[in-house]
Protein backbone atom coordinates (compact mmCIF):
# COMPACT_ATOMS: atom_id res chain seq x y z
CA MET A 1 111.92 -28.83 149.21
CA LYS A 2 114.39 -26.60 147.47
CA HIS A 3 116.97 -28.40 145.35
CA PRO A 4 120.78 -28.01 145.65
CA ARG A 5 120.90 -25.02 143.32
CA LEU A 6 118.92 -22.95 145.85
CA TYR A 7 121.20 -24.11 148.66
CA LEU A 8 124.23 -23.14 146.60
CA LEU A 9 122.92 -19.67 145.77
CA SER A 10 121.86 -19.08 149.37
CA SER A 11 125.34 -20.02 150.56
CA ILE A 12 126.98 -17.78 147.97
CA ALA A 13 124.76 -14.88 148.95
CA LEU A 14 125.80 -15.48 152.56
CA ALA A 15 129.46 -15.63 151.60
CA LEU A 16 129.29 -12.39 149.65
CA GLY A 17 127.66 -10.60 152.56
CA HIS A 18 124.26 -9.91 150.99
CA TRP A 19 121.99 -10.99 153.83
CA GLY A 20 118.34 -11.73 153.12
CA ALA A 21 118.57 -11.44 149.32
CA PRO A 22 116.11 -13.68 147.46
CA ALA A 23 117.45 -16.62 145.46
CA VAL A 24 115.84 -18.02 142.35
CA ALA A 25 115.30 -21.72 141.88
CA GLY A 26 112.98 -24.09 140.11
CA THR A 27 111.07 -27.08 141.43
CA VAL A 28 112.37 -30.59 140.86
CA PRO A 29 110.74 -33.95 141.50
CA ALA A 30 111.31 -35.40 144.96
CA THR A 31 113.93 -38.17 145.06
CA ASN A 32 115.78 -40.38 147.54
CA GLY A 33 112.87 -40.46 149.97
CA LEU A 34 112.53 -36.68 150.15
CA GLN A 35 109.06 -35.19 150.03
CA GLU A 36 108.29 -31.91 148.30
CA ILE A 37 106.72 -29.22 150.50
CA SER A 38 103.84 -27.33 148.92
CA ASP A 39 103.78 -23.55 148.61
CA ALA A 40 100.87 -23.41 151.05
CA GLU A 41 102.87 -25.23 153.74
CA MET A 42 105.91 -23.06 153.11
CA GLY A 43 103.75 -19.96 153.45
CA ASP A 44 102.75 -20.99 156.98
CA MET A 45 106.36 -21.45 158.14
CA ARG A 46 108.20 -18.66 159.92
CA GLY A 47 111.82 -18.43 161.04
CA ARG A 48 112.74 -22.07 160.54
CA TYR A 49 115.28 -21.80 157.73
CA THR A 50 117.54 -18.88 158.66
CA VAL A 51 121.13 -19.61 157.64
CA GLY A 52 123.56 -18.84 160.48
CA ASP A 53 127.12 -17.52 160.27
CA ASN A 54 128.48 -20.98 161.04
CA ALA A 55 126.57 -22.91 158.33
CA VAL A 56 129.39 -22.48 155.80
CA ALA A 57 132.96 -23.15 156.89
CA TRP A 58 134.65 -22.36 153.57
CA PHE A 59 133.57 -21.35 150.10
CA GLY A 60 135.76 -21.27 147.01
CA VAL A 61 135.30 -20.74 143.29
CA LYS A 62 137.80 -21.05 140.45
CA MET A 63 137.09 -19.68 136.99
CA ILE A 64 139.19 -20.70 134.00
CA SER A 65 138.61 -19.24 130.54
CA THR A 66 140.61 -19.98 127.37
CA TRP A 67 140.15 -18.51 123.88
CA GLN A 68 142.22 -19.65 120.91
CA THR A 69 141.83 -17.88 117.57
CA PRO A 70 142.49 -19.50 114.18
CA THR A 71 145.67 -17.38 113.83
CA GLY A 72 147.23 -18.93 116.96
CA GLN A 73 146.59 -16.17 119.46
CA VAL A 74 145.58 -17.45 122.91
CA LEU A 75 143.81 -15.45 125.61
CA GLN A 76 143.65 -17.08 129.02
CA GLY A 77 142.44 -16.07 132.45
CA THR A 78 142.18 -17.78 135.84
CA LEU A 79 140.42 -16.34 138.87
CA ALA A 80 140.46 -18.06 142.26
CA LEU A 81 138.26 -16.64 145.03
CA SER A 82 137.96 -18.09 148.53
CA MET A 83 136.03 -17.14 151.68
CA ASP A 84 137.05 -18.67 155.01
CA PHE A 85 134.48 -18.49 157.84
CA THR A 86 136.45 -20.60 160.33
CA HIS A 87 138.13 -17.71 162.16
CA GLY A 88 135.03 -16.37 163.90
CA GLY A 89 133.09 -13.19 163.32
CA ALA A 90 130.51 -12.33 160.71
CA LYS A 91 133.04 -11.42 157.99
CA PRO A 92 135.12 -14.14 156.31
CA GLN A 93 138.78 -14.00 155.40
CA ILE A 94 138.82 -13.45 151.65
CA GLY A 95 141.43 -14.60 149.16
CA PHE A 96 141.63 -13.44 145.55
CA GLU A 97 144.21 -14.75 143.08
CA PRO A 98 143.95 -13.65 139.41
CA ILE A 99 146.15 -14.72 136.49
CA VAL A 100 145.64 -13.40 132.95
CA SER A 101 147.74 -13.73 129.81
CA ILE A 102 147.71 -13.14 126.05
CA THR A 103 150.16 -15.12 123.92
CA ARG A 104 151.22 -14.48 120.32
CA ALA A 105 150.33 -10.83 120.64
CA ASP A 106 151.64 -10.23 117.12
CA ALA A 107 149.24 -12.72 115.54
CA PRO A 108 147.28 -10.99 112.76
CA LEU A 109 143.52 -10.81 112.78
CA PRO A 110 141.64 -13.04 110.30
CA PRO A 111 141.33 -11.45 106.83
CA PRO A 112 137.91 -10.10 105.90
CA ALA A 113 135.61 -12.26 103.82
CA ASP A 114 136.27 -12.01 100.09
CA VAL A 115 132.87 -10.65 99.19
CA ALA A 116 131.70 -7.30 97.95
CA THR A 117 129.59 -6.68 101.06
CA PRO A 118 130.76 -8.55 104.20
CA PRO A 119 127.89 -9.93 106.29
CA VAL A 120 126.82 -7.97 109.35
CA ARG A 121 127.00 -10.14 112.43
CA HIS A 122 125.42 -9.26 115.75
CA VAL A 123 124.75 -10.92 119.11
CA ASP A 124 123.06 -9.40 122.14
CA ALA A 125 123.27 -10.76 125.70
CA ALA A 126 121.85 -7.70 127.49
CA GLY A 127 118.96 -9.80 128.81
CA LEU A 128 121.31 -11.96 130.89
CA ALA A 129 121.63 -9.11 133.40
CA ASN A 130 118.00 -9.76 134.41
CA VAL A 131 118.39 -13.51 134.93
CA GLY A 132 118.95 -14.96 138.40
CA GLY A 133 120.31 -18.33 139.46
CA VAL A 134 122.73 -20.33 137.34
CA VAL A 135 123.21 -18.89 133.83
CA GLN A 136 124.97 -20.51 130.87
CA SER A 137 124.75 -18.82 127.48
CA VAL A 138 126.36 -19.35 124.07
CA GLN A 139 125.55 -16.94 121.24
CA VAL A 140 127.33 -17.50 117.94
CA ALA A 141 127.13 -15.61 114.64
CA GLY A 142 129.80 -17.45 112.67
CA ASP A 143 130.96 -20.81 111.32
CA GLY A 144 133.32 -23.51 112.56
CA ASN A 145 133.33 -22.38 116.21
CA LEU A 146 133.65 -24.66 119.21
CA ALA A 147 132.54 -23.26 122.59
CA SER A 148 131.74 -24.89 125.93
CA ASN A 149 130.49 -23.85 129.37
CA VAL A 150 131.14 -26.29 132.22
CA THR A 151 130.30 -25.80 135.92
CA GLN A 152 131.33 -28.28 138.62
CA LEU A 153 130.02 -28.18 142.20
CA THR A 154 131.58 -30.08 145.11
CA ILE A 155 129.96 -30.03 148.58
CA SER A 156 131.69 -31.62 151.57
CA ASN A 157 131.50 -31.61 155.36
CA GLY A 158 134.48 -30.49 157.36
CA GLY A 159 135.79 -27.89 159.75
CA GLY A 160 137.99 -25.77 157.52
CA PRO A 161 139.34 -24.87 154.10
CA PRO A 162 141.37 -27.23 151.91
CA ALA A 163 145.05 -27.42 152.82
CA SER A 164 146.05 -25.93 149.45
CA THR A 165 144.10 -22.72 149.99
CA SER A 166 146.12 -19.51 149.79
CA ALA A 167 145.14 -16.23 151.44
CA GLY A 168 145.84 -14.10 148.36
CA THR A 169 144.49 -10.54 148.30
CA SER A 170 141.05 -9.34 149.34
CA SER A 171 140.22 -7.39 146.15
CA GLY A 172 141.73 -6.02 142.99
CA VAL A 173 142.09 -6.25 139.22
CA ALA A 174 144.50 -8.14 136.95
CA SER A 175 144.53 -7.30 133.26
CA ALA A 176 146.44 -7.90 130.03
CA PHE A 177 145.98 -5.92 126.81
CA SER A 178 147.34 -6.33 123.30
CA GLY A 179 145.90 -4.37 120.42
CA GLY A 180 142.20 -5.15 120.37
CA SER A 181 142.53 -8.12 122.73
CA ARG A 182 142.13 -8.01 126.51
CA ALA A 183 141.89 -10.34 129.50
CA VAL A 184 140.60 -8.97 132.81
CA ALA A 185 139.96 -10.60 136.21
CA THR A 186 138.14 -8.46 138.79
CA PHE A 187 136.93 -8.74 142.39
CA ASP A 188 135.41 -5.68 144.11
CA GLY A 189 134.39 -7.21 147.43
CA SER A 190 130.84 -8.16 146.40
CA SER A 191 131.24 -9.72 142.93
CA ALA A 192 133.92 -11.43 140.87
CA SER A 193 134.26 -11.73 137.10
CA LEU A 194 136.62 -12.97 134.40
CA LEU A 195 136.46 -11.44 130.92
CA LEU A 196 138.22 -12.20 127.63
CA SER A 197 137.41 -10.09 124.57
CA ILE A 198 138.67 -9.32 121.06
CA ASP A 199 137.40 -6.27 119.20
CA GLY A 200 135.10 -7.25 116.36
CA GLN A 201 135.07 -10.94 117.33
CA GLY A 202 133.21 -11.17 120.63
CA SER A 203 133.67 -11.78 124.33
CA VAL A 204 133.87 -14.61 126.85
CA GLU A 205 132.84 -14.07 130.48
CA GLN A 206 132.30 -15.82 133.80
CA TRP A 207 130.93 -14.17 136.93
CA ILE A 208 129.58 -14.65 140.42
CA ARG A 209 127.47 -12.03 142.14
CA ASN A 210 124.54 -11.78 144.51
CA GLY A 211 121.89 -14.23 143.30
CA SER A 212 123.67 -15.21 140.09
CA ILE A 213 126.44 -17.43 138.77
CA GLY A 214 127.06 -17.24 135.05
CA GLN A 215 129.06 -18.21 131.99
CA SER A 216 128.64 -16.42 128.68
CA VAL A 217 130.13 -16.81 125.20
CA GLN A 218 129.39 -14.27 122.44
CA LEU A 219 131.02 -14.72 119.04
CA THR A 220 130.82 -12.87 115.73
CA ALA A 221 133.79 -14.65 114.12
CA ASP A 222 134.69 -18.00 112.57
CA ASN A 223 136.81 -20.97 113.68
CA GLN A 224 137.26 -19.92 117.33
CA LEU A 225 137.99 -22.39 120.14
CA ILE A 226 136.61 -21.35 123.55
CA ASN A 227 136.32 -23.07 126.91
CA ASN A 228 134.71 -21.74 130.10
CA ARG A 229 135.14 -23.82 133.24
CA MET A 230 133.96 -22.97 136.76
CA GLU A 231 134.80 -25.12 139.80
CA ILE A 232 132.83 -24.37 142.97
CA GLU A 233 133.64 -25.95 146.33
CA LEU A 234 131.55 -25.57 149.47
CA VAL A 235 132.70 -26.92 152.84
CA ARG A 236 130.07 -27.13 155.59
CA GLN A 237 130.85 -27.33 159.27
CA THR A 238 129.94 -30.66 160.84
CA VAL A 239 127.40 -30.81 163.64
CA ALA A 240 130.07 -32.15 166.00
CA ALA A 241 132.22 -29.07 165.40
CA ASN A 242 129.33 -26.71 166.07
CA THR A 243 129.39 -26.37 169.86
CA GLN A 244 126.58 -23.82 170.05
CA LEU A 245 124.28 -25.97 167.92
CA ALA A 246 125.01 -29.02 170.10
CA GLN A 247 124.13 -27.02 173.22
CA ASN A 248 120.88 -25.81 171.67
CA VAL A 249 119.88 -29.36 170.69
CA ALA A 250 120.66 -30.67 174.18
CA GLN A 251 118.61 -27.88 175.77
CA ALA A 252 115.66 -28.57 173.44
CA ILE A 253 115.72 -32.29 174.31
CA ASN A 254 115.82 -31.49 178.02
CA GLN A 255 112.82 -29.17 177.73
CA ALA A 256 110.90 -31.82 175.81
CA GLN A 257 110.83 -34.25 178.76
CA GLY A 258 107.31 -35.45 179.46
CA ILE A 259 106.10 -34.62 175.97
CA GLY A 260 104.95 -37.53 173.85
CA LEU A 261 107.11 -37.97 170.75
CA HIS A 262 106.15 -40.11 167.77
């Protein structure tokens, strides 16, 4: 069987409108009475695991990134994205709510190291663009830094979105700039991202796109405090609320009369 990460990525791909895109997942030991299906058995199966429009009732993700420098400057961004499939049709109602801020814009940058030749620091995360699935990366070229990436997934059964959900806007960009510092939240209809960056010190990013969810921290400075948090919520429609599915099951049972079941 495929573990929950594959189910999550398949649902996200469905929510973002990229039908039939492959998802990447690993194999985990079978637990709780579940039996792993071999690749040979999976290869013989056709058309049994197509995800329908009504499999996901509501999907939401909230990204929160905070970066505090040793001089007291704070960069912060929050991106809330929701997709509501409960109103019928193949396309969901999309909500996008970004909030970005930079405080203490006048805070000076850290003084250069008191050495004749300052060290050259470099990090490279270009390879992350080729990684699928769930990505968490921390690259640090400095001392005294504290950075964390946390992702939380909640899956529940129900007929609609949480009561606190707001419609928001369907796409757009929110940004804040101050000197060499910037905070940007973006949603273009197929992918969403949150980015904090300071020239010469690094960048902090979270994203969700077809086949990939990620959190990345890149630092070339000292004594930075960074936190990336992503909260994902998936609400599935219950079988009772799925009238068409109930009719299909009833029809299948009726046609199975006279066939031995064991």
